[in-house]
């Protein structure tokens, strides 16, 4: 039985994945875990690197592949469908998230009955000044509009109950709104401070303008979903 499935969307991350996967093995050595890496239409040696690591004896590694890039949310959704763990830990493939934070998040989830989401908060962000500025602006607008109780919804490191994730509505870029969507379903969440690191190799797949233009449409869409929900009450079964 698997306790936690680590989900990693990866596009052109051939240099970053080997050290990241080694860190996961070290961090979760005492857990029953699996790692699902989704090769999202990579144009470098990402798929070959994953296949080599699998052949070298990384038994917990499972490889999913997209013939073309479908994006981070679709990659996570496909990985969650295939996962066998009760909990899903999501990580970015660039190595900026630290797998050493996962055990602490698992401990928090296990000692808190009814908790469905542990959302990472990057307290020491290692991004460019322009990206940090854009993120602060977007986070402030999002918090005011969605009231999602998290200071850093864009953090790639999250621990979420698989059953809770599978209840969320799917749409492209939905991974940025997981806290708001969990709360929409009356789920419980807590924020957990996590480490953040510089990217080891390669470049970011998105620029600030790309994020802003897409984010405005998504934000309005999620706001609409929350406004239209009626899940804040439960149906009661009546005794005969």
C-alpha atoms as a PDB file:
ATOM      1  CA  UNK A   1       0.000   0.000   0.000  1.00  0.00           C
ATOM      2  CA  UNK A   2       1.273   3.462  -0.949  1.00  0.00           C
ATOM      3  CA  UNK A   3       0.992   6.319   1.556  1.00  0.00           C
ATOM      4  CA  UNK A   4       2.158   9.208  -0.619  1.00  0.00           C
ATOM      5  CA  UNK A   5       2.503   9.704  -4.375  1.00  0.00           C
ATOM      6  CA  UNK A   6       4.915  12.432  -5.472  1.00  0.00           C
ATOM      7  CA  UNK A   7       3.701  14.080  -8.693  1.00  0.00           C
ATOM      8  CA  UNK A   8       6.184  15.968 -10.878  1.00  0.00           C
ATOM      9  CA  UNK A   9       5.272  17.655 -14.186  1.00  0.00           C
ATOM     10  CA  UNK A  10       8.472  18.008 -16.206  1.00  0.00           C
ATOM     11  CA  UNK A  11       9.161  19.729 -19.510  1.00  0.00           C
ATOM     12  CA  UNK A  12      12.804  19.919 -20.621  1.00  0.00           C
ATOM     13  CA  UNK A  13      14.188  19.164 -17.147  1.00  0.00           C
ATOM     14  CA  UNK A  14      16.760  16.489 -18.060  1.00  0.00           C
ATOM     15  CA  UNK A  15      19.491  18.089 -15.930  1.00  0.00           C
ATOM     16  CA  UNK A  16      17.294  18.839 -12.929  1.00  0.00           C
ATOM     17  CA  UNK A  17      15.493  15.532 -12.502  1.00  0.00           C
ATOM     18  CA  UNK A  18      18.339  13.185 -11.413  1.00  0.00           C
ATOM     19  CA  UNK A  19      19.354  15.257  -8.347  1.00  0.00           C
ATOM     20  CA  UNK A  20      15.708  15.994  -7.537  1.00  0.00           C
ATOM     21  CA  UNK A  21      14.754  12.318  -7.626  1.00  0.00           C
ATOM     22  CA  UNK A  22      17.778  11.442  -5.501  1.00  0.00           C
ATOM     23  CA  UNK A  23      16.593  13.970  -2.909  1.00  0.00           C
ATOM     24  CA  UNK A  24      13.114  12.441  -2.922  1.00  0.00           C
ATOM     25  CA  UNK A  25      14.559   8.972  -2.270  1.00  0.00           C
ATOM     26  CA  UNK A  26      16.525  10.353   0.655  1.00  0.00           C
ATOM     27  CA  UNK A  27      13.624  12.345   2.118  1.00  0.00           C
ATOM     28  CA  UNK A  28      11.031   9.573   1.854  1.00  0.00           C
ATOM     29  CA  UNK A  29      13.210   6.571   2.637  1.00  0.00           C
ATOM     30  CA  UNK A  30      11.018   5.666   5.628  1.00  0.00           C
ATOM     31  CA  UNK A  31       7.715   6.111   3.791  1.00  0.00           C
ATOM     32  CA  UNK A  32       5.736   3.873   1.459  1.00  0.00           C
ATOM     33  CA  UNK A  33       5.867   6.100  -1.595  1.00  0.00           C
ATOM     34  CA  UNK A  34       5.943   6.309  -5.368  1.00  0.00           C
ATOM     35  CA  UNK A  35       7.074   9.032  -7.763  1.00  0.00           C
ATOM     36  CA  UNK A  36       5.131   9.811 -10.930  1.00  0.00           C
ATOM     37  CA  UNK A  37       6.995  12.054 -13.368  1.00  0.00           C
ATOM     38  CA  UNK A  38       5.045  13.324 -16.351  1.00  0.00           C
ATOM     39  CA  UNK A  39       7.264  14.055 -19.338  1.00  0.00           C
ATOM     40  CA  UNK A  40       5.189  16.873 -20.801  1.00  0.00           C
ATOM     41  CA  UNK A  41       6.275  16.804 -24.448  1.00  0.00           C
ATOM     42  CA  UNK A  42       9.932  17.503 -23.656  1.00  0.00           C
ATOM     43  CA  UNK A  43      12.285  18.338 -26.507  1.00  0.00           C
ATOM     44  CA  UNK A  44      15.460  17.444 -24.616  1.00  0.00           C
ATOM     45  CA  UNK A  45      16.577  14.141 -23.028  1.00  0.00           C
ATOM     46  CA  UNK A  46      14.045  14.205 -20.168  1.00  0.00           C
ATOM     47  CA  UNK A  47      12.326  10.966 -21.205  1.00  0.00           C
ATOM     48  CA  UNK A  48      15.621   9.140 -21.824  1.00  0.00           C
ATOM     49  CA  UNK A  49      16.939  10.259 -18.423  1.00  0.00           C
ATOM     50  CA  UNK A  50      13.818   8.975 -16.680  1.00  0.00           C
ATOM     51  CA  UNK A  51      13.980   5.647 -18.489  1.00  0.00           C
ATOM     52  CA  UNK A  52      17.642   5.260 -17.525  1.00  0.00           C
ATOM     53  CA  UNK A  53      16.910   5.971 -13.853  1.00  0.00           C
ATOM     54  CA  UNK A  54      14.080   3.436 -13.930  1.00  0.00           C
ATOM     55  CA  UNK A  55      16.357   0.817 -15.516  1.00  0.00           C
ATOM     56  CA  UNK A  56      19.010   1.486 -12.868  1.00  0.00           C
ATOM     57  CA  UNK A  57      16.669   0.262 -10.143  1.00  0.00           C
ATOM     58  CA  UNK A  58      14.503   3.182  -9.053  1.00  0.00           C
ATOM     59  CA  UNK A  59      11.524   0.907  -8.415  1.00  0.00           C
ATOM     60  CA  UNK A  60       9.302   3.662  -7.023  1.00  0.00           C
ATOM     61  CA  UNK A  61       9.563   5.699 -10.238  1.00  0.00           C
ATOM     62  CA  UNK A  62       6.643   5.647 -12.668  1.00  0.00           C
ATOM     63  CA  UNK A  63       6.892   7.505 -15.984  1.00  0.00           C
ATOM     64  CA  UNK A  64       3.992   9.129 -17.811  1.00  0.00           C
ATOM     65  CA  UNK A  65       4.490  10.749 -21.217  1.00  0.00           C
ATOM     66  CA  UNK A  66       2.695  13.341 -23.327  1.00  0.00           C
ATOM     67  CA  UNK A  67       3.543  13.421 -27.036  1.00  0.00           C
ATOM     68  CA  UNK A  68       3.039  17.190 -26.928  1.00  0.00           C
ATOM     69  CA  UNK A  69       3.076  19.693 -24.102  1.00  0.00           C
ATOM     70  CA  UNK A  70      -0.305  19.883 -22.352  1.00  0.00           C
ATOM     71  CA  UNK A  71       0.734  22.043 -19.403  1.00  0.00           C
ATOM     72  CA  UNK A  72       1.273  21.656 -15.683  1.00  0.00           C
ATOM     73  CA  UNK A  73      -2.350  21.271 -14.632  1.00  0.00           C
ATOM     74  CA  UNK A  74      -3.089  18.534 -17.154  1.00  0.00           C
ATOM     75  CA  UNK A  75       0.129  16.754 -16.189  1.00  0.00           C
ATOM     76  CA  UNK A  76      -0.857  16.826 -12.514  1.00  0.00           C
ATOM     77  CA  UNK A  77      -4.385  15.682 -13.315  1.00  0.00           C
ATOM     78  CA  UNK A  78      -3.155  12.684 -15.316  1.00  0.00           C
ATOM     79  CA  UNK A  79      -0.646  11.789 -12.602  1.00  0.00           C
ATOM     80  CA  UNK A  80      -3.321  12.041  -9.884  1.00  0.00           C
ATOM     81  CA  UNK A  81      -5.578   9.719 -11.842  1.00  0.00           C
ATOM     82  CA  UNK A  82      -2.801   7.119 -12.040  1.00  0.00           C
ATOM     83  CA  UNK A  83      -1.506   7.591  -8.475  1.00  0.00           C
ATOM     84  CA  UNK A  84      -1.984   4.914  -5.813  1.00  0.00           C
ATOM     85  CA  UNK A  85      -1.205   6.964  -2.709  1.00  0.00           C
ATOM     86  CA  UNK A  86      -3.741   8.317  -0.227  1.00  0.00           C
ATOM     87  CA  UNK A  87      -1.825  11.620  -0.331  1.00  0.00           C
ATOM     88  CA  UNK A  88      -0.407  13.499  -3.308  1.00  0.00           C
ATOM     89  CA  UNK A  89       2.716  15.642  -2.947  1.00  0.00           C
ATOM     90  CA  UNK A  90       3.192  17.982  -5.907  1.00  0.00           C
ATOM     91  CA  UNK A  91       6.627  19.284  -6.884  1.00  0.00           C
ATOM     92  CA  UNK A  92       7.928  21.408  -9.745  1.00  0.00           C
ATOM     93  CA  UNK A  93      10.436  19.634 -11.956  1.00  0.00           C
ATOM     94  CA  UNK A  94      13.015  22.431 -11.845  1.00  0.00           C
ATOM     95  CA  UNK A  95      14.353  21.523  -8.388  1.00  0.00           C
ATOM     96  CA  UNK A  96      13.338  24.788  -6.727  1.00  0.00           C
ATOM     97  CA  UNK A  97      11.014  22.951  -4.324  1.00  0.00           C
ATOM     98  CA  UNK A  98      12.816  21.004  -1.581  1.00  0.00           C
ATOM     99  CA  UNK A  99      11.655  17.374  -1.083  1.00  0.00           C
ATOM    100  CA  UNK A 100      13.001  17.546   2.486  1.00  0.00           C
ATOM    101  CA  UNK A 101       9.853  19.538   3.346  1.00  0.00           C
ATOM    102  CA  UNK A 102       7.500  16.660   2.454  1.00  0.00           C
ATOM    103  CA  UNK A 103       7.926  14.618   5.695  1.00  0.00           C
ATOM    104  CA  UNK A 104       6.991  17.630   7.822  1.00  0.00           C
ATOM    105  CA  UNK A 105       3.907  18.241   5.702  1.00  0.00           C
ATOM    106  CA  UNK A 106       2.932  14.581   6.032  1.00  0.00           C
ATOM    107  CA  UNK A 107       3.356  14.773   9.797  1.00  0.00           C
ATOM    108  CA  UNK A 108       1.084  17.825   9.932  1.00  0.00           C
ATOM    109  CA  UNK A 109      -1.561  16.057   7.848  1.00  0.00           C
ATOM    110  CA  UNK A 110      -1.444  12.907   9.982  1.00  0.00           C
ATOM    111  CA  UNK A 111      -1.825  14.708  13.285  1.00  0.00           C
ATOM    112  CA  UNK A 112      -4.657  16.979  12.075  1.00  0.00           C
ATOM    113  CA  UNK A 113      -7.932  15.079  11.624  1.00  0.00           C
ATOM    114  CA  UNK A 114      -9.933  16.152   8.614  1.00  0.00           C
ATOM    115  CA  UNK A 115      -7.113  18.115   6.973  1.00  0.00           C
ATOM    116  CA  UNK A 116      -7.222  17.810   3.187  1.00  0.00           C
ATOM    117  CA  UNK A 117      -4.537  20.238   2.001  1.00  0.00           C
ATOM    118  CA  UNK A 118      -1.166  21.419   3.273  1.00  0.00           C
ATOM    119  CA  UNK A 119      -0.171  24.377   1.083  1.00  0.00           C
ATOM    120  CA  UNK A 120       3.499  25.317   0.883  1.00  0.00           C
ATOM    121  CA  UNK A 121       4.543  28.913   1.511  1.00  0.00           C
ATOM    122  CA  UNK A 122       7.929  29.940   0.077  1.00  0.00           C
ATOM    123  CA  UNK A 123       9.273  32.142   2.831  1.00  0.00           C
ATOM    124  CA  UNK A 124      12.680  32.617   1.162  1.00  0.00           C
ATOM    125  CA  UNK A 125      11.879  32.918  -2.530  1.00  0.00           C
ATOM    126  CA  UNK A 126      14.845  32.521  -4.882  1.00  0.00           C
ATOM    127  CA  UNK A 127      13.321  34.114  -7.967  1.00  0.00           C
ATOM    128  CA  UNK A 128      14.161  37.275  -9.857  1.00  0.00           C
ATOM    129  CA  UNK A 129      12.984  40.604  -8.434  1.00  0.00           C
ATOM    130  CA  UNK A 130      10.508  41.045 -11.295  1.00  0.00           C
ATOM    131  CA  UNK A 131       8.973  37.624 -10.702  1.00  0.00           C
ATOM    132  CA  UNK A 132       8.659  38.255  -6.949  1.00  0.00           C
ATOM    133  CA  UNK A 133       7.015  41.629  -7.616  1.00  0.00           C
ATOM    134  CA  UNK A 134       4.555  40.126 -10.097  1.00  0.00           C
ATOM    135  CA  UNK A 135       3.785  37.312  -7.662  1.00  0.00           C
ATOM    136  CA  UNK A 136       3.070  39.698  -4.772  1.00  0.00           C
ATOM    137  CA  UNK A 137       0.706  41.695  -6.967  1.00  0.00           C
ATOM    138  CA  UNK A 138      -1.110  38.577  -8.199  1.00  0.00           C
ATOM    139  CA  UNK A 139      -1.313  37.036  -4.724  1.00  0.00           C
ATOM    140  CA  UNK A 140      -2.765  40.207  -3.257  1.00  0.00           C
ATOM    141  CA  UNK A 141      -5.455  40.454  -5.930  1.00  0.00           C
ATOM    142  CA  UNK A 142      -6.270  36.760  -5.658  1.00  0.00           C
ATOM    143  CA  UNK A 143      -6.585  36.822  -1.857  1.00  0.00           C
ATOM    144  CA  UNK A 144      -8.965  39.777  -1.977  1.00  0.00           C
ATOM    145  CA  UNK A 145     -11.134  38.225  -4.666  1.00  0.00           C
ATOM    146  CA  UNK A 146     -11.117  34.541  -3.687  1.00  0.00           C
ATOM    147  CA  UNK A 147     -10.412  34.739   0.066  1.00  0.00           C
ATOM    148  CA  UNK A 148      -8.432  31.504  -0.201  1.00  0.00           C
ATOM    149  CA  UNK A 149      -6.513  31.870   3.082  1.00  0.00           C
ATOM    150  CA  UNK A 150      -3.054  31.310   1.589  1.00  0.00           C
ATOM    151  CA  UNK A 151      -0.222  33.795   0.970  1.00  0.00           C
ATOM    152  CA  UNK A 152       1.435  31.754  -1.816  1.00  0.00           C
ATOM    153  CA  UNK A 153      -0.963  29.735  -3.958  1.00  0.00           C
ATOM    154  CA  UNK A 154       1.668  29.579  -6.725  1.00  0.00           C
ATOM    155  CA  UNK A 155       4.016  27.420  -4.657  1.00  0.00           C
ATOM    156  CA  UNK A 156       4.473  24.117  -6.486  1.00  0.00           C
ATOM    157  CA  UNK A 157       4.922  22.154  -3.260  1.00  0.00           C
ATOM    158  CA  UNK A 158       1.575  21.031  -1.871  1.00  0.00           C
ATOM    159  CA  UNK A 159       0.296  17.967  -0.059  1.00  0.00           C
ATOM    160  CA  UNK A 160      -3.302  17.137  -0.862  1.00  0.00           C
ATOM    161  CA  UNK A 161      -5.544  14.199  -0.119  1.00  0.00           C
ATOM    162  CA  UNK A 162      -5.979  12.312  -3.397  1.00  0.00           C
ATOM    163  CA  UNK A 163      -9.736  11.941  -2.931  1.00  0.00           C
ATOM    164  CA  UNK A 164     -10.009  15.706  -2.407  1.00  0.00           C
ATOM    165  CA  UNK A 165      -7.945  16.469  -5.525  1.00  0.00           C
ATOM    166  CA  UNK A 166     -10.096  14.214  -7.683  1.00  0.00           C
ATOM    167  CA  UNK A 167     -13.219  16.137  -6.620  1.00  0.00           C
ATOM    168  CA  UNK A 168     -11.835  19.425  -7.934  1.00  0.00           C
ATOM    169  CA  UNK A 169     -13.010  20.784 -11.300  1.00  0.00           C
ATOM    170  CA  UNK A 170     -10.411  20.340 -14.021  1.00  0.00           C
ATOM    171  CA  UNK A 171      -9.354  23.224 -16.272  1.00  0.00           C
ATOM    172  CA  UNK A 172      -6.038  24.416 -17.644  1.00  0.00           C
ATOM    173  CA  UNK A 173      -4.035  26.261 -14.952  1.00  0.00           C
ATOM    174  CA  UNK A 174      -6.266  24.907 -12.174  1.00  0.00           C
ATOM    175  CA  UNK A 175      -3.113  23.987 -10.202  1.00  0.00           C
ATOM    176  CA  UNK A 176      -2.688  27.670  -9.291  1.00  0.00           C
ATOM    177  CA  UNK A 177      -6.056  27.708  -7.530  1.00  0.00           C
ATOM    178  CA  UNK A 178      -6.005  24.452  -5.564  1.00  0.00           C
ATOM    179  CA  UNK A 179      -6.446  26.168  -2.137  1.00  0.00           C
ATOM    180  CA  UNK A 180      -9.490  28.149  -3.313  1.00  0.00           C
ATOM    181  CA  UNK A 181     -10.991  25.084  -4.984  1.00  0.00           C
ATOM    182  CA  UNK A 182     -10.471  22.903  -1.900  1.00  0.00           C
ATOM    183  CA  UNK A 183     -12.151  25.520   0.283  1.00  0.00           C
ATOM    184  CA  UNK A 184     -15.008  25.696  -2.246  1.00  0.00           C
ATOM    185  CA  UNK A 185     -15.696  22.022  -1.403  1.00  0.00           C
ATOM    186  CA  UNK A 186     -15.639  22.764   2.334  1.00  0.00           C
ATOM    187  CA  UNK A 187     -12.201  21.215   2.681  1.00  0.00           C
ATOM    188  CA  UNK A 188      -9.775  22.040   5.488  1.00  0.00           C
ATOM    189  CA  UNK A 189      -6.311  23.394   4.725  1.00  0.00           C
ATOM    190  CA  UNK A 190      -3.249  24.716   6.514  1.00  0.00           C
ATOM    191  CA  UNK A 191      -0.248  26.680   5.269  1.00  0.00           C
ATOM    192  CA  UNK A 192       3.240  25.266   5.899  1.00  0.00           C
ATOM    193  CA  UNK A 193       6.493  27.242   5.433  1.00  0.00           C
ATOM    194  CA  UNK A 194       8.813  25.544   2.930  1.00  0.00           C
ATOM    195  CA  UNK A 195      12.285  26.033   1.522  1.00  0.00           C
ATOM    196  CA  UNK A 196      12.819  27.498  -1.939  1.00  0.00           C
ATOM    197  CA  UNK A 197      15.963  27.241  -4.057  1.00  0.00           C
ATOM    198  CA  UNK A 198      17.514  28.617  -7.192  1.00  0.00           C
ATOM    199  CA  UNK A 199      16.850  26.673 -10.375  1.00  0.00           C
ATOM    200  CA  UNK A 200      19.802  24.350 -11.007  1.00  0.00           C
ATOM    201  CA  UNK A 201      19.664  24.368 -14.814  1.00  0.00           C
ATOM    202  CA  UNK A 202      17.480  25.464 -17.714  1.00  0.00           C
ATOM    203  CA  UNK A 203      15.043  28.346 -17.853  1.00  0.00           C
ATOM    204  CA  UNK A 204      11.530  29.041 -16.618  1.00  0.00           C
ATOM    205  CA  UNK A 205       8.805  27.977 -19.044  1.00  0.00           C
ATOM    206  CA  UNK A 206       6.677  31.083 -18.476  1.00  0.00           C
ATOM    207  CA  UNK A 207       7.301  34.822 -18.389  1.00  0.00           C
ATOM    208  CA  UNK A 208       5.606  37.381 -16.175  1.00  0.00           C
ATOM    209  CA  UNK A 209       3.431  38.740 -18.996  1.00  0.00           C
ATOM    210  CA  UNK A 210       2.284  35.211 -19.921  1.00  0.00           C
ATOM    211  CA  UNK A 211       1.312  34.500 -16.320  1.00  0.00           C
ATOM    212  CA  UNK A 212      -0.525  37.815 -15.944  1.00  0.00           C
ATOM    213  CA  UNK A 213      -2.619  37.544 -19.116  1.00  0.00           C
ATOM    214  CA  UNK A 214      -3.685  33.963 -18.456  1.00  0.00           C
ATOM    215  CA  UNK A 215      -4.087  34.582 -14.729  1.00  0.00           C
ATOM    216  CA  UNK A 216      -6.667  37.358 -15.152  1.00  0.00           C
ATOM    217  CA  UNK A 217      -9.018  35.101 -17.102  1.00  0.00           C
ATOM    218  CA  UNK A 218      -8.490  32.197 -14.707  1.00  0.00           C
ATOM    219  CA  UNK A 219      -9.029  34.373 -11.653  1.00  0.00           C
ATOM    220  CA  UNK A 220     -12.363  35.609 -12.965  1.00  0.00           C
ATOM    221  CA  UNK A 221     -13.381  32.049 -13.831  1.00  0.00           C
ATOM    222  CA  UNK A 222     -12.534  30.685 -10.377  1.00  0.00           C
ATOM    223  CA  UNK A 223     -14.296  33.639  -8.727  1.00  0.00           C
ATOM    224  CA  UNK A 224     -17.385  32.763 -10.777  1.00  0.00           C
ATOM    225  CA  UNK A 225     -17.189  29.100  -9.729  1.00  0.00           C
ATOM    226  CA  UNK A 226     -16.979  30.023  -6.053  1.00  0.00           C
ATOM    227  CA  UNK A 227     -19.855  32.491  -6.353  1.00  0.00           C
ATOM    228  CA  UNK A 228     -22.031  29.808  -7.961  1.00  0.00           C
ATOM    229  CA  UNK A 229     -21.307  27.017  -5.474  1.00  0.00           C
ATOM    230  CA  UNK A 230     -23.933  25.681  -3.091  1.00  0.00           C
ATOM    231  CA  UNK A 231     -21.635  23.218  -1.345  1.00  0.00           C
ATOM    232  CA  UNK A 232     -21.640  25.098   1.962  1.00  0.00           C
ATOM    233  CA  UNK A 233     -24.475  22.887   3.238  1.00  0.00           C
ATOM    234  CA  UNK A 234     -24.944  19.142   3.493  1.00  0.00           C
ATOM    235  CA  UNK A 235     -27.910  16.956   2.600  1.00  0.00           C
ATOM    236  CA  UNK A 236     -29.285  15.123   5.635  1.00  0.00           C
ATOM    237  CA  UNK A 237     -30.595  11.615   5.315  1.00  0.00           C
ATOM    238  CA  UNK A 238     -33.885  11.269   7.193  1.00  0.00           C
ATOM    239  CA  UNK A 239     -34.627   8.219   9.295  1.00  0.00           C
ATOM    240  CA  UNK A 240     -37.692   6.205   8.380  1.00  0.00           C
END
